[in-house]
PDB file of all heavy atoms in Angstrom:
ATOM      1  N   ILE A   1       1.616   0.585   3.153  1.00  0.00           N
ATOM      2  CA  ILE A   1       0.750   1.373   2.226  1.00  0.00           C
ATOM      3  C   ILE A   1      -0.015   2.407   3.061  1.00  0.00           C
ATOM      4  O   ILE A   1      -0.498   2.158   4.134  1.00  0.00           O
ATOM      5  CB  ILE A   1      -0.199   0.465   1.407  1.00  0.00           C
ATOM      6  CG1 ILE A   1      -0.891   1.287   0.336  1.00  0.00           C
ATOM      7  CG2 ILE A   1      -1.160  -0.271   2.322  1.00  0.00           C
ATOM      8  CD1 ILE A   1      -1.550   0.387  -0.724  1.00  0.00           C
ATOM      9  N   SER A   2      -0.117   3.587   2.456  1.00  0.00           N
ATOM     10  CA  SER A   2      -0.757   4.693   3.120  1.00  0.00           C
ATOM     11  C   SER A   2      -2.246   4.429   3.336  1.00  0.00           C
ATOM     12  O   SER A   2      -2.856   3.625   2.626  1.00  0.00           O
ATOM     13  CB  SER A   2      -0.611   5.919   2.208  1.00  0.00           C
ATOM     14  OG  SER A   2      -1.450   6.985   2.596  1.00  0.00           O
ATOM     15  N   ARG A   3      -2.826   5.141   4.321  1.00  0.00           N
ATOM     16  CA  ARG A   3      -4.236   5.217   4.380  1.00  0.00           C
ATOM     17  C   ARG A   3      -4.775   5.941   3.171  1.00  0.00           C
ATOM     18  O   ARG A   3      -4.014   6.607   2.434  1.00  0.00           O
ATOM     19  CB  ARG A   3      -4.697   5.976   5.670  1.00  0.00           C
ATOM     20  CG  ARG A   3      -4.303   7.436   5.695  1.00  0.00           C
ATOM     21  CD  ARG A   3      -4.797   8.127   6.966  1.00  0.00           C
ATOM     22  NE  ARG A   3      -4.499   9.525   6.968  1.00  0.00           N
ATOM     23  CZ  ARG A   3      -3.431  10.032   7.510  1.00  0.00           C
ATOM     24  NH1 ARG A   3      -2.502   9.265   8.075  1.00  0.00           N
ATOM     25  NH2 ARG A   3      -3.251  11.354   7.497  1.00  0.00           N
ATOM     26  N   SER A   4      -6.040   5.823   2.886  1.00  0.00           N
ATOM     27  CA  SER A   4      -6.588   6.450   1.738  1.00  0.00           C
ATOM     28  C   SER A   4      -8.051   6.774   1.972  1.00  0.00           C
ATOM     29  O   SER A   4      -8.643   6.382   2.998  1.00  0.00           O
ATOM     30  CB  SER A   4      -6.491   5.499   0.543  1.00  0.00           C
ATOM     31  OG  SER A   4      -7.235   4.295   0.740  1.00  0.00           O
ATOM     32  N   GLY A   5      -8.659   7.468   1.050  1.00  0.00           N
ATOM     33  CA  GLY A   5     -10.081   7.815   1.174  1.00  0.00           C
ATOM     34  C   GLY A   5     -10.322   9.228   1.697  1.00  0.00           C
ATOM     35  O   GLY A   5     -11.441   9.665   1.632  1.00  0.00           O
ATOM     36  N   ASP A   6      -9.327   9.897   2.237  1.00  0.00           N
ATOM     37  CA  ASP A   6      -9.502  11.246   2.750  1.00  0.00           C
ATOM     38  C   ASP A   6      -8.588  12.255   2.039  1.00  0.00           C
ATOM     39  O   ASP A   6      -8.377  13.346   2.546  1.00  0.00           O
ATOM     40  CB  ASP A   6      -9.297  11.270   4.238  1.00  0.00           C
ATOM     41  CG  ASP A   6      -7.866  10.899   4.647  1.00  0.00           C
ATOM     42  OD1 ASP A   6      -7.103  10.421   3.742  1.00  0.00           O
ATOM     43  OD2 ASP A   6      -7.524  11.016   5.806  1.00  0.00           O
ATOM     44  N   GLY A   7      -8.057  11.864   0.904  1.00  0.00           N
ATOM     45  CA  GLY A   7      -7.209  12.754   0.145  1.00  0.00           C
ATOM     46  C   GLY A   7      -5.776  12.891   0.640  1.00  0.00           C
ATOM     47  O   GLY A   7      -5.036  13.756   0.168  1.00  0.00           O
ATOM     48  N   THR A   8      -5.378  12.013   1.575  1.00  0.00           N
ATOM     49  CA  THR A   8      -4.045  12.151   2.156  1.00  0.00           C
ATOM     50  C   THR A   8      -3.167  10.982   1.735  1.00  0.00           C
ATOM     51  O   THR A   8      -2.155  10.695   2.388  1.00  0.00           O
ATOM     52  CB  THR A   8      -4.133  12.169   3.666  1.00  0.00           C
ATOM     53  OG1 THR A   8      -4.737  10.981   4.149  1.00  0.00           O
ATOM     54  CG2 THR A   8      -4.919  13.387   4.129  1.00  0.00           C
ATOM     55  N   TYR A   9      -3.455  10.261   0.658  1.00  0.00           N
ATOM     56  CA  TYR A   9      -2.683   9.094   0.258  1.00  0.00           C
ATOM     57  C   TYR A   9      -1.251   9.542  -0.021  1.00  0.00           C
ATOM     58  O   TYR A   9      -1.015  10.455  -0.772  1.00  0.00           O
ATOM     59  CB  TYR A   9      -3.329   8.463  -0.990  1.00  0.00           C
ATOM     60  CG  TYR A   9      -2.604   7.226  -1.452  1.00  0.00           C
ATOM     61  CD1 TYR A   9      -2.794   6.013  -0.802  1.00  0.00           C
ATOM     62  CD2 TYR A   9      -1.756   7.262  -2.568  1.00  0.00           C
ATOM     63  CE1 TYR A   9      -2.135   4.875  -1.204  1.00  0.00           C
ATOM     64  CE2 TYR A   9      -1.118   6.120  -2.986  1.00  0.00           C
ATOM     65  CZ  TYR A   9      -1.306   4.940  -2.319  1.00  0.00           C
ATOM     66  OH  TYR A   9      -0.692   3.798  -2.735  1.00  0.00           O
ATOM     67  N   PHE A  10      -0.275   8.808   0.571  1.00  0.00           N
ATOM     68  CA  PHE A  10       1.153   9.165   0.370  1.00  0.00           C
ATOM     69  C   PHE A  10       1.928   8.009  -0.184  1.00  0.00           C
ATOM     70  O   PHE A  10       3.172   8.052  -0.214  1.00  0.00           O
ATOM     71  CB  PHE A  10       1.771   9.697   1.609  1.00  0.00           C
ATOM     72  CG  PHE A  10       1.604   8.853   2.858  1.00  0.00           C
ATOM     73  CD1 PHE A  10       2.380   7.780   3.074  1.00  0.00           C
ATOM     74  CD2 PHE A  10       0.659   9.200   3.779  1.00  0.00           C
ATOM     75  CE1 PHE A  10       2.194   6.989   4.225  1.00  0.00           C
ATOM     76  CE2 PHE A  10       0.471   8.425   4.900  1.00  0.00           C
ATOM     77  CZ  PHE A  10       1.264   7.341   5.127  1.00  0.00           C
ATOM     78  N   GLY A  11       1.257   6.925  -0.624  1.00  0.00           N
ATOM     79  CA  GLY A  11       1.963   5.917  -1.370  1.00  0.00           C
ATOM     80  C   GLY A  11       2.343   4.748  -0.573  1.00  0.00           C
ATOM     81  O   GLY A  11       1.767   4.375   0.437  1.00  0.00           O
ATOM     82  N   THR A  12       3.396   4.012  -1.047  1.00  0.00           N
ATOM     83  CA  THR A  12       3.857   2.803  -0.500  1.00  0.00           C
ATOM     84  C   THR A  12       5.323   2.852  -0.146  1.00  0.00           C
ATOM     85  O   THR A  12       6.059   3.790  -0.553  1.00  0.00           O
ATOM     86  CB  THR A  12       3.628   1.621  -1.503  1.00  0.00           C
ATOM     87  OG1 THR A  12       4.378   1.907  -2.723  1.00  0.00           O
ATOM     88  CG2 THR A  12       2.180   1.435  -1.840  1.00  0.00           C
ATOM     89  N   SER A  13       5.754   1.868   0.658  1.00  0.00           N
ATOM     90  CA  SER A  13       7.162   1.790   0.989  1.00  0.00           C
ATOM     91  C   SER A  13       7.533   0.299   1.071  1.00  0.00           C
ATOM     92  O   SER A  13       6.679  -0.539   1.453  1.00  0.00           O
ATOM     93  CB  SER A  13       7.420   2.469   2.379  1.00  0.00           C
ATOM     94  OG  SER A  13       8.784   2.405   2.702  1.00  0.00           O
ATOM     95  N   TYR A  14       8.721  -0.016   0.651  1.00  0.00           N
ATOM     96  CA  TYR A  14       9.184  -1.394   0.665  1.00  0.00           C
ATOM     97  C   TYR A  14      10.589  -1.484   1.299  1.00  0.00           C
ATOM     98  O   TYR A  14      11.419  -0.588   1.160  1.00  0.00           O
ATOM     99  CB  TYR A  14       9.276  -1.946  -0.785  1.00  0.00           C
ATOM    100  CG  TYR A  14       7.973  -2.070  -1.461  1.00  0.00           C
ATOM    101  CD1 TYR A  14       7.441  -1.028  -2.250  1.00  0.00           C
ATOM    102  CD2 TYR A  14       7.165  -3.207  -1.283  1.00  0.00           C
ATOM    103  CE1 TYR A  14       6.209  -1.127  -2.881  1.00  0.00           C
ATOM    104  CE2 TYR A  14       5.926  -3.352  -1.923  1.00  0.00           C
ATOM    105  CZ  TYR A  14       5.467  -2.279  -2.715  1.00  0.00           C
ATOM    106  OH  TYR A  14       4.242  -2.399  -3.344  1.00  0.00           O
ATOM    107  N   ALA A  15      10.813  -2.630   1.909  1.00  0.00           N
ATOM    108  CA  ALA A  15      12.176  -2.902   2.438  1.00  0.00           C
ATOM    109  C   ALA A  15      13.109  -3.095   1.232  1.00  0.00           C
ATOM    110  O   ALA A  15      12.674  -3.556   0.174  1.00  0.00           O
ATOM    111  CB  ALA A  15      12.160  -4.115   3.293  1.00  0.00           C
ATOM    112  N   ASP A  16      14.379  -2.815   1.431  1.00  0.00           N
ATOM    113  CA  ASP A  16      15.327  -2.940   0.344  1.00  0.00           C
ATOM    114  C   ASP A  16      15.398  -4.368  -0.194  1.00  0.00           C
ATOM    115  O   ASP A  16      15.589  -4.637  -1.357  1.00  0.00           O
ATOM    116  CB  ASP A  16      16.721  -2.489   0.818  1.00  0.00           C
ATOM    117  CG  ASP A  16      16.768  -0.999   1.049  1.00  0.00           C
ATOM    118  OD1 ASP A  16      15.880  -0.297   0.596  1.00  0.00           O
ATOM    119  OD2 ASP A  16      17.714  -0.550   1.752  1.00  0.00           O
ATOM    120  N   PHE A  17      15.257  -5.338   0.685  1.00  0.00           N
ATOM    121  CA  PHE A  17      15.415  -6.755   0.244  1.00  0.00           C
ATOM    122  C   PHE A  17      14.271  -7.225  -0.673  1.00  0.00           C
ATOM    123  O   PHE A  17      14.354  -8.232  -1.332  1.00  0.00           O
ATOM    124  CB  PHE A  17      15.518  -7.670   1.441  1.00  0.00           C
ATOM    125  CG  PHE A  17      14.316  -7.725   2.354  1.00  0.00           C
ATOM    126  CD1 PHE A  17      13.159  -8.443   1.974  1.00  0.00           C
ATOM    127  CD2 PHE A  17      14.320  -7.103   3.560  1.00  0.00           C
ATOM    128  CE1 PHE A  17      12.050  -8.455   2.793  1.00  0.00           C
ATOM    129  CE2 PHE A  17      13.211  -7.077   4.411  1.00  0.00           C
ATOM    130  CZ  PHE A  17      12.088  -7.803   4.016  1.00  0.00           C
ATOM    131  N   VAL A  18      13.222  -6.442  -0.732  1.00  0.00           N
ATOM    132  CA  VAL A  18      12.089  -6.805  -1.614  1.00  0.00           C
ATOM    133  C   VAL A  18      12.535  -6.705  -3.068  1.00  0.00           C
ATOM    134  O   VAL A  18      12.145  -7.567  -3.888  1.00  0.00           O
ATOM    135  CB  VAL A  18      10.887  -5.888  -1.337  1.00  0.00           C
ATOM    136  CG1 VAL A  18       9.842  -6.063  -2.421  1.00  0.00           C
ATOM    137  CG2 VAL A  18      10.287  -6.186   0.043  1.00  0.00           C
ATOM    138  N   SER A  19      13.304  -5.685  -3.392  1.00  0.00           N
ATOM    139  CA  SER A  19      13.905  -5.579  -4.750  1.00  0.00           C
ATOM    140  C   SER A  19      12.894  -5.804  -5.879  1.00  0.00           C
ATOM    141  O   SER A  19      13.212  -6.524  -6.848  1.00  0.00           O
ATOM    142  CB  SER A  19      15.053  -6.585  -4.891  1.00  0.00           C
ATOM    143  OG  SER A  19      16.046  -6.328  -3.932  1.00  0.00           O
ATOM    144  N   GLY A  20      11.707  -5.235  -5.722  1.00  0.00           N
ATOM    145  CA  GLY A  20      10.715  -5.298  -6.818  1.00  0.00           C
ATOM    146  C   GLY A  20      10.014  -6.635  -6.855  1.00  0.00           C
ATOM    147  O   GLY A  20       9.137  -6.793  -7.764  1.00  0.00           O
ATOM    148  N   ARG A  21      10.188  -7.538  -5.950  1.00  0.00           N
ATOM    149  CA  ARG A  21       9.531  -8.828  -6.015  1.00  0.00           C
ATOM    150  C   ARG A  21       8.118  -8.846  -5.393  1.00  0.00           C
ATOM    151  O   ARG A  21       7.298  -9.661  -5.729  1.00  0.00           O
ATOM    152  CB  ARG A  21      10.416  -9.868  -5.283  1.00  0.00           C
ATOM    153  CG  ARG A  21      11.768 -10.026  -5.875  1.00  0.00           C
ATOM    154  CD  ARG A  21      12.578 -11.065  -5.141  1.00  0.00           C
ATOM    155  NE  ARG A  21      12.828 -10.663  -3.734  1.00  0.00           N
ATOM    156  CZ  ARG A  21      12.540 -11.439  -2.676  1.00  0.00           C
ATOM    157  NH1 ARG A  21      12.030 -12.649  -2.881  1.00  0.00           N
ATOM    158  NH2 ARG A  21      12.779 -10.970  -1.421  1.00  0.00           N
ATOM    159  N   PHE A  22       7.897  -7.894  -4.456  1.00  0.00           N
ATOM    160  CA  PHE A  22       6.624  -7.895  -3.710  1.00  0.00           C
ATOM    161  C   PHE A  22       5.795  -6.653  -4.067  1.00  0.00           C
ATOM    162  O   PHE A  22       6.376  -5.598  -4.366  1.00  0.00           O
ATOM    163  CB  PHE A  22       6.826  -7.887  -2.200  1.00  0.00           C
ATOM    164  CG  PHE A  22       7.602  -9.082  -1.601  1.00  0.00           C
ATOM    165  CD1 PHE A  22       7.911  -9.124  -0.283  1.00  0.00           C
ATOM    166  CD2 PHE A  22       7.896 -10.192  -2.410  1.00  0.00           C
ATOM    167  CE1 PHE A  22       8.609 -10.201   0.273  1.00  0.00           C
ATOM    168  CE2 PHE A  22       8.599 -11.276  -1.887  1.00  0.00           C
ATOM    169  CZ  PHE A  22       8.930 -11.304  -0.550  1.00  0.00           C
ATOM    170  N   THR A  23       4.519  -6.760  -3.978  1.00  0.00           N
ATOM    171  CA  THR A  23       3.630  -5.613  -4.201  1.00  0.00           C
ATOM    172  C   THR A  23       2.545  -5.588  -3.127  1.00  0.00           C
ATOM    173  O   THR A  23       1.834  -6.597  -2.915  1.00  0.00           O
ATOM    174  CB  THR A  23       2.945  -5.697  -5.567  1.00  0.00           C
ATOM    175  OG1 THR A  23       3.972  -5.729  -6.601  1.00  0.00           O
ATOM    176  CG2 THR A  23       2.085  -4.433  -5.800  1.00  0.00           C
ATOM    177  N   ILE A  24       2.432  -4.465  -2.434  1.00  0.00           N
ATOM    178  CA  ILE A  24       1.363  -4.284  -1.475  1.00  0.00           C
ATOM    179  C   ILE A  24       0.243  -3.520  -2.104  1.00  0.00           C
ATOM    180  O   ILE A  24       0.486  -2.597  -2.883  1.00  0.00           O
ATOM    181  CB  ILE A  24       1.873  -3.582  -0.224  1.00  0.00           C
ATOM    182  CG1 ILE A  24       0.811  -3.596   0.915  1.00  0.00           C
ATOM    183  CG2 ILE A  24       2.389  -2.155  -0.490  1.00  0.00           C
ATOM    184  CD1 ILE A  24       1.337  -3.097   2.282  1.00  0.00           C
ATOM    185  N   SER A  25      -0.993  -3.889  -1.786  1.00  0.00           N
ATOM    186  CA  SER A  25      -2.152  -3.180  -2.283  1.00  0.00           C
ATOM    187  C   SER A  25      -3.251  -3.304  -1.257  1.00  0.00           C
ATOM    188  O   SER A  25      -3.209  -4.094  -0.337  1.00  0.00           O
ATOM    189  CB  SER A  25      -2.590  -3.719  -3.635  1.00  0.00           C
ATOM    190  OG  SER A  25      -2.976  -5.137  -3.468  1.00  0.00           O
ATOM    191  N   ARG A  26      -4.275  -2.484  -1.452  1.00  0.00           N
ATOM    192  CA  ARG A  26      -5.407  -2.513  -0.517  1.00  0.00           C
ATOM    193  C   ARG A  26      -6.724  -2.369  -1.280  1.00  0.00           C
ATOM    194  O   ARG A  26      -6.762  -1.717  -2.331  1.00  0.00           O
ATOM    195  CB  ARG A  26      -5.294  -1.443   0.558  1.00  0.00           C
ATOM    196  CG  ARG A  26      -5.375   0.008   0.052  1.00  0.00           C
ATOM    197  CD  ARG A  26      -5.030   0.966   1.158  1.00  0.00           C
ATOM    198  NE  ARG A  26      -5.926   0.867   2.288  1.00  0.00           N
ATOM    199  CZ  ARG A  26      -5.664   1.256   3.520  1.00  0.00           C
ATOM    200  NH1 ARG A  26      -4.490   1.838   3.782  1.00  0.00           N
ATOM    201  NH2 ARG A  26      -6.533   1.118   4.474  1.00  0.00           N
ATOM    202  N   ASP A  27      -7.764  -2.988  -0.781  1.00  0.00           N
ATOM    203  CA  ASP A  27      -9.105  -2.851  -1.285  1.00  0.00           C
ATOM    204  C   ASP A  27      -9.984  -2.395  -0.146  1.00  0.00           C
ATOM    205  O   ASP A  27     -10.365  -3.208   0.715  1.00  0.00           O
ATOM    206  CB  ASP A  27      -9.545  -4.190  -1.856  1.00  0.00           C
ATOM    207  CG  ASP A  27     -10.895  -4.091  -2.537  1.00  0.00           C
ATOM    208  OD1 ASP A  27     -11.684  -3.164  -2.247  1.00  0.00           O
ATOM    209  OD2 ASP A  27     -11.188  -4.963  -3.370  1.00  0.00           O
ATOM    210  N   ASN A  28     -10.277  -1.128  -0.077  1.00  0.00           N
ATOM    211  CA  ASN A  28     -11.030  -0.593   1.024  1.00  0.00           C
ATOM    212  C   ASN A  28     -12.442  -1.075   1.042  1.00  0.00           C
ATOM    213  O   ASN A  28     -13.072  -1.226   2.116  1.00  0.00           O
ATOM    214  CB  ASN A  28     -11.023   0.954   0.989  1.00  0.00           C
ATOM    215  CG  ASN A  28      -9.648   1.532   1.308  1.00  0.00           C
ATOM    216  OD1 ASN A  28      -8.829   0.889   1.940  1.00  0.00           O
ATOM    217  ND2 ASN A  28      -9.407   2.719   0.799  1.00  0.00           N
ATOM    218  N   ALA A  29     -12.995  -1.454  -0.111  1.00  0.00           N
ATOM    219  CA  ALA A  29     -14.359  -1.961  -0.138  1.00  0.00           C
ATOM    220  C   ALA A  29     -14.453  -3.348   0.557  1.00  0.00           C
ATOM    221  O   ALA A  29     -15.513  -3.731   1.072  1.00  0.00           O
ATOM    222  CB  ALA A  29     -14.844  -2.043  -1.594  1.00  0.00           C
ATOM    223  N   LYS A  30     -13.301  -4.055   0.511  1.00  0.00           N
ATOM    224  CA  LYS A  30     -13.254  -5.390   1.157  1.00  0.00           C
ATOM    225  C   LYS A  30     -12.549  -5.350   2.501  1.00  0.00           C
ATOM    226  O   LYS A  30     -12.334  -6.423   3.076  1.00  0.00           O
ATOM    227  CB  LYS A  30     -12.606  -6.357   0.205  1.00  0.00           C
ATOM    228  CG  LYS A  30     -13.340  -6.587  -1.101  1.00  0.00           C
ATOM    229  CD  LYS A  30     -12.631  -7.626  -1.966  1.00  0.00           C
ATOM    230  CE  LYS A  30     -13.448  -7.898  -3.224  1.00  0.00           C
ATOM    231  NZ  LYS A  30     -12.766  -8.936  -4.112  1.00  0.00           N
ATOM    232  N   ASN A  31     -12.134  -4.209   2.919  1.00  0.00           N
ATOM    233  CA  ASN A  31     -11.368  -4.121   4.199  1.00  0.00           C
ATOM    234  C   ASN A  31     -10.172  -5.082   4.190  1.00  0.00           C
ATOM    235  O   ASN A  31      -9.874  -5.750   5.230  1.00  0.00           O
ATOM    236  CB  ASN A  31     -12.265  -4.391   5.395  1.00  0.00           C
ATOM    237  CG  ASN A  31     -13.111  -3.214   5.818  1.00  0.00           C
ATOM    238  OD1 ASN A  31     -13.239  -2.280   5.040  1.00  0.00           O
ATOM    239  ND2 ASN A  31     -13.687  -3.278   6.986  1.00  0.00           N
ATOM    240  N   THR A  32      -9.428  -5.127   3.144  1.00  0.00           N
ATOM    241  CA  THR A  32      -8.359  -6.086   2.960  1.00  0.00           C
ATOM    242  C   THR A  32      -7.115  -5.445   2.378  1.00  0.00           C
ATOM    243  O   THR A  32      -7.232  -4.641   1.480  1.00  0.00           O
ATOM    244  CB  THR A  32      -8.844  -7.262   2.077  1.00  0.00           C
ATOM    245  OG1 THR A  32      -9.970  -7.878   2.709  1.00  0.00           O
ATOM    246  CG2 THR A  32      -7.722  -8.314   1.945  1.00  0.00           C
ATOM    247  N   VAL A  33      -5.985  -5.889   2.904  1.00  0.00           N
ATOM    248  CA  VAL A  33      -4.712  -5.481   2.340  1.00  0.00           C
ATOM    249  C   VAL A  33      -4.018  -6.772   1.868  1.00  0.00           C
ATOM    250  O   VAL A  33      -4.173  -7.827   2.479  1.00  0.00           O
ATOM    251  CB  VAL A  33      -3.844  -4.710   3.327  1.00  0.00           C
ATOM    252  CG1 VAL A  33      -3.495  -5.575   4.536  1.00  0.00           C
ATOM    253  CG2 VAL A  33      -2.608  -4.165   2.670  1.00  0.00           C
TER     254      VAL A  33
END
């Protein structure tokens, strides 16, 4: 997942084997991905 907070967010990327099963997300307020 891209860095964020400075207007340069470019999204996410997944390996092909994930096939929609996994989701990455981040919470910058909690410093957690």
